[in-house]
């Protein structure tokens, strides 16, 4: 029976490269001269933290980071921006959570979309991914197209892997 897996993964090497490029650009930019701007990656690659001395600089650093991530092919849908927090007298920081895997509630929404579409496919949740099975390849390709349409509404970056015929 044909099947494929729906996953949501970040290329960690590209993430590291984008963060390093952002650090380098911020250290050489004229408007960041004398400003301490930091980007930290959590050891498990689950979050980033931006730190600067003003909200304007934080916003500028965030725009540079987003540009570098987009150039490196990392979807901006995987980013969840936290609230800007004041630390100390004049410093601010913003946590950015990175979404790895498909959360169960979003998997349930995807299965609901499949059922509403009346396609002859079934979805099953397997940890942080979703397996879709069907009787023929055409139905699976229609399911992929349906999921691509739903990416923005669910704010979920999806890749389709392990296609079996």
N, C-alpha and C. Protein backbone atom coordinates (compact mmCIF):
# COMPACT_ATOMS: atom_id res chain seq x y z
N UNK A 1 0.84 -1.17 0.00
CA UNK A 1 0.00 0.00 0.00
C UNK A 1 0.89 1.25 0.00
N UNK A 2 0.73 2.17 -0.95
CA UNK A 2 1.57 3.37 -1.02
C UNK A 2 1.41 4.27 0.21
N UNK A 3 2.50 4.92 0.61
CA UNK A 3 2.45 5.81 1.75
C UNK A 3 3.56 6.84 1.66
N UNK A 4 3.44 7.88 2.46
CA UNK A 4 4.52 8.86 2.64
C UNK A 4 4.43 9.43 4.04
N UNK A 5 5.52 10.05 4.49
CA UNK A 5 5.58 10.66 5.81
C UNK A 5 5.61 12.17 5.67
N UNK A 6 4.92 12.85 6.57
CA UNK A 6 4.95 14.30 6.65
C UNK A 6 5.78 14.64 7.89
N UNK A 7 6.86 15.38 7.69
CA UNK A 7 7.73 15.74 8.81
C UNK A 7 7.96 17.25 8.81
N UNK A 8 8.52 17.75 9.89
CA UNK A 8 8.90 19.15 9.99
C UNK A 8 10.25 19.19 10.68
N UNK A 9 11.30 19.31 9.90
CA UNK A 9 12.66 19.30 10.43
C UNK A 9 13.42 20.53 9.94
N UNK A 10 14.39 20.95 10.74
CA UNK A 10 15.26 22.06 10.39
C UNK A 10 16.64 21.50 10.12
N UNK A 11 17.28 21.96 9.04
CA UNK A 11 18.66 21.57 8.77
C UNK A 11 19.55 22.33 9.75
N UNK A 12 20.07 21.62 10.76
CA UNK A 12 20.81 22.27 11.84
C UNK A 12 22.11 22.91 11.38
N UNK A 13 22.75 22.32 10.39
CA UNK A 13 23.99 22.91 9.86
C UNK A 13 23.68 24.26 9.20
N UNK A 14 22.59 24.33 8.45
CA UNK A 14 22.21 25.59 7.82
C UNK A 14 21.80 26.62 8.86
N UNK A 15 21.15 26.17 9.94
CA UNK A 15 20.80 27.08 11.03
C UNK A 15 22.05 27.68 11.65
N UNK A 16 23.05 26.82 11.94
CA UNK A 16 24.31 27.32 12.49
C UNK A 16 24.98 28.31 11.55
N UNK A 17 24.98 28.00 10.25
CA UNK A 17 25.59 28.91 9.27
C UNK A 17 24.87 30.25 9.25
N UNK A 18 23.55 30.24 9.28
CA UNK A 18 22.78 31.49 9.24
C UNK A 18 23.05 32.33 10.49
N UNK A 19 23.13 31.68 11.66
CA UNK A 19 23.40 32.41 12.90
C UNK A 19 24.81 32.99 12.87
N UNK A 20 25.78 32.21 12.39
CA UNK A 20 27.16 32.72 12.32
C UNK A 20 27.27 33.88 11.34
N UNK A 21 26.58 33.80 10.20
CA UNK A 21 26.59 34.91 9.25
C UNK A 21 25.95 36.16 9.85
N UNK A 22 24.89 35.96 10.63
CA UNK A 22 24.24 37.10 11.28
C UNK A 22 25.17 37.75 12.28
N UNK A 23 25.84 36.92 13.08
CA UNK A 23 26.80 37.46 14.06
C UNK A 23 27.88 38.28 13.36
N UNK A 24 28.39 37.73 12.25
CA UNK A 24 29.45 38.42 11.52
C UNK A 24 28.96 39.75 10.96
N UNK A 25 27.76 39.74 10.38
CA UNK A 25 27.24 40.99 9.81
C UNK A 25 26.99 42.03 10.89
N UNK A 26 26.45 41.60 12.03
CA UNK A 26 26.18 42.55 13.11
C UNK A 26 27.48 43.13 13.68
N UNK A 27 28.54 42.35 13.67
CA UNK A 27 29.81 42.87 14.20
C UNK A 27 30.46 43.87 13.26
N UNK A 28 30.10 43.82 11.97
CA UNK A 28 30.72 44.74 11.01
C UNK A 28 29.82 45.88 10.57
N UNK A 29 28.54 45.84 10.91
CA UNK A 29 27.62 46.91 10.49
C UNK A 29 27.90 48.20 11.22
N UNK A 30 27.78 49.30 10.50
CA UNK A 30 28.06 50.61 11.07
C UNK A 30 27.11 50.96 12.21
N UNK A 31 25.83 50.67 12.04
CA UNK A 31 24.86 51.05 13.06
C UNK A 31 24.94 50.19 14.33
N UNK A 32 25.77 49.14 14.29
CA UNK A 32 25.97 48.31 15.47
C UNK A 32 27.35 48.50 16.09
N UNK A 33 28.08 49.54 15.68
CA UNK A 33 29.38 49.82 16.26
C UNK A 33 29.19 50.24 17.72
N UNK A 34 29.88 49.59 18.63
CA UNK A 34 29.79 49.89 20.05
C UNK A 34 28.56 49.32 20.73
N UNK A 35 27.78 48.55 20.00
CA UNK A 35 26.57 47.94 20.56
C UNK A 35 26.84 46.45 20.77
N UNK A 36 26.48 45.96 21.92
CA UNK A 36 26.65 44.53 22.18
C UNK A 36 25.40 43.81 21.71
N UNK A 37 25.52 43.10 20.60
CA UNK A 37 24.40 42.32 20.06
C UNK A 37 24.82 40.86 20.04
N UNK A 38 24.02 40.01 20.66
CA UNK A 38 24.35 38.59 20.76
C UNK A 38 23.20 37.75 20.22
N UNK A 39 23.57 36.62 19.61
CA UNK A 39 22.60 35.61 19.23
C UNK A 39 23.10 34.29 19.80
N UNK A 40 22.30 33.70 20.66
CA UNK A 40 22.68 32.44 21.29
C UNK A 40 21.77 31.33 20.79
N UNK A 41 22.37 30.16 20.58
CA UNK A 41 21.61 28.97 20.22
C UNK A 41 21.59 28.04 21.43
N UNK A 42 20.42 27.52 21.75
CA UNK A 42 20.32 26.54 22.84
C UNK A 42 21.12 25.29 22.45
N UNK A 43 21.72 24.61 23.42
CA UNK A 43 22.52 23.42 23.10
C UNK A 43 21.76 22.33 22.33
N UNK A 44 20.45 22.23 22.57
CA UNK A 44 19.68 21.22 21.86
C UNK A 44 19.03 21.76 20.58
N UNK A 45 19.40 22.95 20.17
CA UNK A 45 18.89 23.61 18.96
C UNK A 45 17.38 23.77 18.98
N UNK A 46 16.81 24.01 20.16
CA UNK A 46 15.37 24.18 20.26
C UNK A 46 14.96 25.64 20.32
N UNK A 47 15.95 26.54 20.52
CA UNK A 47 15.62 27.95 20.65
C UNK A 47 16.83 28.83 20.33
N UNK A 48 16.53 30.07 19.97
CA UNK A 48 17.53 31.11 19.79
C UNK A 48 17.19 32.23 20.76
N UNK A 49 18.18 33.04 21.12
CA UNK A 49 17.94 34.21 21.96
C UNK A 49 18.70 35.39 21.37
N UNK A 50 17.98 36.47 21.09
CA UNK A 50 18.59 37.71 20.61
C UNK A 50 18.72 38.66 21.80
N UNK A 51 19.90 39.27 21.96
CA UNK A 51 20.13 40.22 23.06
C UNK A 51 20.81 41.46 22.49
N UNK A 52 20.27 42.63 22.81
CA UNK A 52 20.90 43.91 22.44
C UNK A 52 20.60 44.91 23.55
N UNK A 53 20.98 46.18 23.30
CA UNK A 53 20.76 47.20 24.33
C UNK A 53 19.55 48.09 24.07
N UNK A 54 18.82 47.87 22.96
CA UNK A 54 17.60 48.65 22.73
C UNK A 54 16.65 47.85 21.83
N UNK A 55 15.37 48.21 21.89
CA UNK A 55 14.39 47.49 21.08
C UNK A 55 14.59 47.73 19.59
N UNK A 56 15.06 48.92 19.23
CA UNK A 56 15.31 49.22 17.81
C UNK A 56 16.44 48.34 17.26
N UNK A 57 17.49 48.19 18.04
CA UNK A 57 18.61 47.33 17.62
C UNK A 57 18.18 45.86 17.59
N UNK A 58 17.32 45.48 18.52
CA UNK A 58 16.80 44.12 18.54
C UNK A 58 16.01 43.84 17.26
N UNK A 59 15.18 44.79 16.86
CA UNK A 59 14.39 44.63 15.64
C UNK A 59 15.30 44.55 14.42
N UNK A 60 16.34 45.37 14.37
CA UNK A 60 17.28 45.35 13.24
C UNK A 60 18.03 44.02 13.19
N UNK A 61 18.45 43.52 14.36
CA UNK A 61 19.16 42.24 14.41
C UNK A 61 18.24 41.10 13.98
N UNK A 62 16.96 41.18 14.37
CA UNK A 62 16.00 40.15 14.00
C UNK A 62 15.79 40.14 12.49
N UNK A 63 15.73 41.32 11.86
CA UNK A 63 15.57 41.39 10.41
C UNK A 63 16.78 40.80 9.68
N UNK A 64 17.97 41.04 10.21
CA UNK A 64 19.18 40.46 9.60
C UNK A 64 19.12 38.93 9.72
N UNK A 65 18.74 38.44 10.90
CA UNK A 65 18.64 36.99 11.12
C UNK A 65 17.62 36.37 10.18
N UNK A 66 16.46 36.98 10.05
CA UNK A 66 15.41 36.44 9.17
C UNK A 66 15.89 36.39 7.72
N UNK A 67 16.61 37.41 7.29
CA UNK A 67 17.15 37.41 5.93
C UNK A 67 18.15 36.29 5.71
N UNK A 68 19.01 36.08 6.68
CA UNK A 68 20.02 35.01 6.56
C UNK A 68 19.37 33.63 6.58
N UNK A 69 18.35 33.45 7.42
CA UNK A 69 17.65 32.17 7.46
C UNK A 69 16.95 31.89 6.13
N UNK A 70 16.31 32.90 5.58
CA UNK A 70 15.61 32.72 4.31
C UNK A 70 16.59 32.39 3.18
N UNK A 71 17.74 33.06 3.16
CA UNK A 71 18.75 32.78 2.13
C UNK A 71 19.30 31.36 2.25
N UNK A 72 19.33 30.84 3.47
CA UNK A 72 19.85 29.50 3.72
C UNK A 72 18.81 28.42 3.51
N UNK A 73 17.60 28.80 3.13
CA UNK A 73 16.57 27.82 2.84
C UNK A 73 15.82 27.30 4.06
N UNK A 74 15.89 28.01 5.17
CA UNK A 74 15.16 27.62 6.36
C UNK A 74 13.85 28.40 6.37
N UNK A 75 12.75 27.69 6.44
CA UNK A 75 11.44 28.33 6.42
C UNK A 75 11.24 29.16 7.69
N UNK A 76 10.66 30.34 7.52
CA UNK A 76 10.41 31.20 8.67
C UNK A 76 9.19 30.75 9.46
N UNK A 77 8.47 29.75 8.96
CA UNK A 77 7.32 29.20 9.69
C UNK A 77 7.75 28.44 10.93
N UNK A 78 9.00 28.02 11.00
CA UNK A 78 9.46 27.23 12.16
C UNK A 78 9.81 28.12 13.35
N UNK A 79 9.75 29.44 13.19
CA UNK A 79 10.11 30.36 14.26
C UNK A 79 8.88 30.80 15.04
N UNK A 80 8.97 30.77 16.35
CA UNK A 80 7.93 31.30 17.24
C UNK A 80 8.58 32.36 18.11
N UNK A 81 8.22 33.61 17.88
CA UNK A 81 8.84 34.71 18.60
C UNK A 81 8.18 34.91 19.96
N UNK A 82 9.02 34.98 20.99
CA UNK A 82 8.52 35.25 22.33
C UNK A 82 8.41 36.75 22.55
N UNK A 83 7.99 37.13 23.74
CA UNK A 83 7.86 38.53 24.09
C UNK A 83 9.24 39.13 24.35
N UNK A 84 9.36 40.41 24.04
CA UNK A 84 10.61 41.13 24.30
C UNK A 84 10.68 41.41 25.80
N UNK A 85 11.80 41.01 26.41
CA UNK A 85 11.97 41.16 27.85
C UNK A 85 13.08 42.16 28.13
N UNK A 86 12.88 42.97 29.15
CA UNK A 86 13.93 43.89 29.58
C UNK A 86 14.81 43.16 30.58
N UNK A 87 16.13 43.26 30.37
CA UNK A 87 17.08 42.64 31.30
C UNK A 87 18.04 43.73 31.74
N UNK A 88 18.05 44.02 33.01
CA UNK A 88 18.94 45.06 33.50
C UNK A 88 18.39 46.45 33.19
N UNK A 89 19.29 47.44 33.16
CA UNK A 89 18.86 48.82 32.97
C UNK A 89 18.41 49.11 31.54
N UNK A 90 19.24 48.76 30.56
CA UNK A 90 18.90 49.15 29.19
C UNK A 90 18.98 48.00 28.20
N UNK A 91 19.14 46.78 28.67
CA UNK A 91 19.26 45.66 27.75
C UNK A 91 17.90 44.99 27.54
N UNK A 92 17.74 44.42 26.34
CA UNK A 92 16.52 43.68 26.01
C UNK A 92 16.91 42.36 25.37
N UNK A 93 16.01 41.38 25.51
CA UNK A 93 16.25 40.11 24.85
C UNK A 93 14.92 39.55 24.36
N UNK A 94 15.01 38.71 23.33
CA UNK A 94 13.82 38.08 22.79
C UNK A 94 14.12 36.62 22.50
N UNK A 95 13.38 35.71 23.14
CA UNK A 95 13.56 34.29 22.82
C UNK A 95 12.81 33.94 21.53
N UNK A 96 13.42 33.06 20.75
CA UNK A 96 12.80 32.57 19.52
C UNK A 96 12.82 31.05 19.59
N UNK A 97 11.64 30.47 19.68
CA UNK A 97 11.53 29.02 19.77
C UNK A 97 11.54 28.42 18.37
N UNK A 98 12.28 27.33 18.18
CA UNK A 98 12.34 26.65 16.89
C UNK A 98 11.48 25.40 16.96
N UNK A 99 10.59 25.26 16.00
CA UNK A 99 9.67 24.13 16.00
C UNK A 99 10.27 22.98 15.21
N UNK A 100 10.56 21.89 15.89
CA UNK A 100 11.04 20.66 15.27
C UNK A 100 9.97 19.60 15.44
N UNK A 101 9.58 18.96 14.37
CA UNK A 101 8.53 17.95 14.45
C UNK A 101 7.16 18.58 14.38
N UNK A 102 6.16 17.75 14.17
CA UNK A 102 4.78 18.21 14.06
C UNK A 102 4.09 17.95 15.39
N UNK A 103 3.59 19.00 16.06
CA UNK A 103 2.87 18.78 17.32
C UNK A 103 1.61 17.95 17.09
N UNK A 104 1.18 17.23 18.12
CA UNK A 104 0.05 16.31 18.00
C UNK A 104 -1.22 17.05 17.58
N UNK A 105 -1.47 18.25 18.15
CA UNK A 105 -2.70 18.96 17.81
C UNK A 105 -2.71 19.38 16.34
N UNK A 106 -1.55 19.71 15.78
CA UNK A 106 -1.51 20.06 14.35
C UNK A 106 -1.63 18.81 13.49
N UNK A 107 -1.12 17.69 13.97
CA UNK A 107 -1.31 16.42 13.25
C UNK A 107 -2.79 16.07 13.19
N UNK A 108 -3.49 16.30 14.29
CA UNK A 108 -4.93 16.03 14.31
C UNK A 108 -5.66 16.93 13.33
N UNK A 109 -5.23 18.19 13.24
CA UNK A 109 -5.86 19.10 12.27
C UNK A 109 -5.60 18.64 10.84
N UNK A 110 -4.39 18.15 10.57
CA UNK A 110 -4.09 17.65 9.22
C UNK A 110 -4.95 16.43 8.88
N UNK A 111 -5.13 15.54 9.85
CA UNK A 111 -5.98 14.36 9.62
C UNK A 111 -7.43 14.80 9.37
N UNK A 112 -7.86 15.82 10.11
CA UNK A 112 -9.22 16.35 9.91
C UNK A 112 -9.37 16.92 8.50
N UNK A 113 -8.36 17.63 8.02
CA UNK A 113 -8.38 18.17 6.66
C UNK A 113 -8.46 17.04 5.64
N UNK A 114 -7.71 15.96 5.89
CA UNK A 114 -7.76 14.80 4.99
C UNK A 114 -9.17 14.21 4.93
N UNK A 115 -9.80 14.06 6.09
CA UNK A 115 -11.13 13.46 6.13
C UNK A 115 -12.16 14.35 5.45
N UNK A 116 -12.04 15.67 5.64
CA UNK A 116 -12.99 16.60 5.02
C UNK A 116 -12.84 16.65 3.50
N UNK A 117 -11.65 16.32 3.01
CA UNK A 117 -11.40 16.39 1.56
C UNK A 117 -11.99 15.22 0.80
N UNK A 118 -12.42 14.18 1.53
CA UNK A 118 -13.01 12.98 0.93
C UNK A 118 -12.03 12.19 0.06
N UNK A 119 -10.72 12.43 0.25
CA UNK A 119 -9.73 11.62 -0.45
C UNK A 119 -9.70 10.23 0.19
N UNK A 120 -9.33 9.24 -0.60
CA UNK A 120 -9.29 7.87 -0.08
C UNK A 120 -7.91 7.58 0.50
N UNK A 121 -7.56 8.34 1.53
CA UNK A 121 -6.29 8.16 2.23
C UNK A 121 -6.56 8.21 3.73
N UNK A 122 -5.62 7.63 4.49
CA UNK A 122 -5.72 7.64 5.94
C UNK A 122 -4.43 8.24 6.51
N UNK A 123 -4.57 8.95 7.60
CA UNK A 123 -3.41 9.51 8.28
C UNK A 123 -3.26 8.88 9.64
N UNK A 124 -2.02 8.63 10.04
CA UNK A 124 -1.77 8.10 11.38
C UNK A 124 -0.61 8.88 12.00
N UNK A 125 -0.79 9.24 13.25
CA UNK A 125 0.22 10.01 13.97
C UNK A 125 1.27 9.05 14.51
N UNK A 126 2.55 9.36 14.22
CA UNK A 126 3.66 8.55 14.72
C UNK A 126 4.68 9.48 15.36
N UNK A 127 4.55 9.67 16.67
CA UNK A 127 5.41 10.57 17.44
C UNK A 127 5.30 11.98 16.88
N UNK A 128 6.38 12.53 16.29
CA UNK A 128 6.35 13.91 15.79
C UNK A 128 6.23 13.97 14.27
N UNK A 129 5.66 12.94 13.68
CA UNK A 129 5.43 12.95 12.23
C UNK A 129 4.08 12.32 11.94
N UNK A 130 3.66 12.43 10.68
CA UNK A 130 2.37 11.92 10.26
C UNK A 130 2.58 11.02 9.06
N UNK A 131 2.02 9.81 9.10
CA UNK A 131 2.11 8.89 7.96
C UNK A 131 0.76 8.87 7.26
N UNK A 132 0.81 9.05 5.94
CA UNK A 132 -0.41 9.04 5.13
C UNK A 132 -0.33 7.84 4.20
N UNK A 133 -1.37 7.00 4.21
CA UNK A 133 -1.42 5.82 3.33
C UNK A 133 -2.68 5.90 2.49
N UNK A 134 -2.60 5.30 1.30
CA UNK A 134 -3.74 5.29 0.39
C UNK A 134 -3.61 4.14 -0.59
N UNK A 135 -4.63 3.96 -1.41
CA UNK A 135 -4.62 2.85 -2.36
C UNK A 135 -3.80 3.13 -3.61
N UNK A 136 -3.75 4.41 -4.03
CA UNK A 136 -2.96 4.70 -5.23
C UNK A 136 -2.15 5.99 -5.07
N UNK A 137 -1.19 6.13 -5.93
CA UNK A 137 -0.25 7.24 -5.89
C UNK A 137 -0.93 8.59 -6.12
N UNK A 138 -1.94 8.63 -6.99
CA UNK A 138 -2.61 9.89 -7.31
C UNK A 138 -3.28 10.49 -6.08
N UNK A 139 -3.92 9.64 -5.27
CA UNK A 139 -4.55 10.14 -4.05
C UNK A 139 -3.52 10.73 -3.09
N UNK A 140 -2.36 10.09 -3.00
CA UNK A 140 -1.30 10.60 -2.12
C UNK A 140 -0.77 11.94 -2.63
N UNK A 141 -0.64 12.08 -3.95
CA UNK A 141 -0.18 13.35 -4.49
C UNK A 141 -1.20 14.46 -4.27
N UNK A 142 -2.48 14.12 -4.33
CA UNK A 142 -3.52 15.10 -4.02
C UNK A 142 -3.45 15.50 -2.55
N UNK A 143 -3.16 14.55 -1.68
CA UNK A 143 -3.02 14.84 -0.25
C UNK A 143 -1.84 15.78 0.00
N UNK A 144 -0.74 15.56 -0.71
CA UNK A 144 0.42 16.46 -0.59
C UNK A 144 0.05 17.87 -1.01
N UNK A 145 -0.66 18.01 -2.13
CA UNK A 145 -1.08 19.33 -2.61
C UNK A 145 -2.00 19.99 -1.58
N UNK A 146 -2.89 19.21 -0.98
CA UNK A 146 -3.79 19.73 0.04
C UNK A 146 -3.01 20.23 1.25
N UNK A 147 -2.00 19.48 1.68
CA UNK A 147 -1.18 19.89 2.81
C UNK A 147 -0.40 21.16 2.50
N UNK A 148 0.09 21.29 1.28
CA UNK A 148 0.83 22.50 0.90
C UNK A 148 -0.06 23.74 0.99
N UNK A 149 -1.35 23.58 0.64
CA UNK A 149 -2.29 24.70 0.74
C UNK A 149 -2.52 25.09 2.20
N UNK A 150 -2.47 24.11 3.10
CA UNK A 150 -2.78 24.34 4.51
C UNK A 150 -1.58 24.81 5.33
N UNK A 151 -0.38 24.83 4.74
CA UNK A 151 0.83 25.19 5.49
C UNK A 151 0.72 26.56 6.16
N UNK A 152 0.25 27.56 5.41
CA UNK A 152 0.19 28.91 5.96
C UNK A 152 -0.86 29.03 7.07
N UNK A 153 -2.02 28.41 6.86
CA UNK A 153 -3.08 28.49 7.86
C UNK A 153 -2.63 27.86 9.18
N UNK A 154 -1.91 26.75 9.09
CA UNK A 154 -1.44 26.07 10.29
C UNK A 154 -0.10 26.60 10.79
N UNK A 155 0.51 27.50 10.02
CA UNK A 155 1.86 28.00 10.30
C UNK A 155 2.80 26.85 10.64
N UNK A 156 2.89 25.92 9.70
CA UNK A 156 3.67 24.71 9.88
C UNK A 156 4.49 24.46 8.61
N UNK A 157 5.79 24.25 8.79
CA UNK A 157 6.64 23.90 7.67
C UNK A 157 6.64 22.39 7.52
N UNK A 158 6.33 21.90 6.32
CA UNK A 158 6.23 20.44 6.13
C UNK A 158 7.14 19.99 5.01
N UNK A 159 7.74 18.82 5.21
CA UNK A 159 8.47 18.13 4.16
C UNK A 159 7.84 16.75 4.01
N UNK A 160 7.87 16.25 2.80
CA UNK A 160 7.29 14.95 2.51
C UNK A 160 8.43 13.98 2.20
N UNK A 161 8.53 12.91 2.97
CA UNK A 161 9.63 11.97 2.82
C UNK A 161 9.10 10.56 2.78
N UNK A 162 10.00 9.64 2.50
CA UNK A 162 9.73 8.20 2.62
C UNK A 162 8.55 7.77 1.75
N UNK A 163 8.48 8.29 0.52
CA UNK A 163 7.38 7.93 -0.38
C UNK A 163 7.57 6.49 -0.83
N UNK A 164 6.61 5.64 -0.54
CA UNK A 164 6.67 4.23 -0.92
C UNK A 164 5.54 3.93 -1.87
N UNK A 165 5.85 3.17 -2.90
CA UNK A 165 4.83 2.82 -3.88
C UNK A 165 4.29 1.43 -3.66
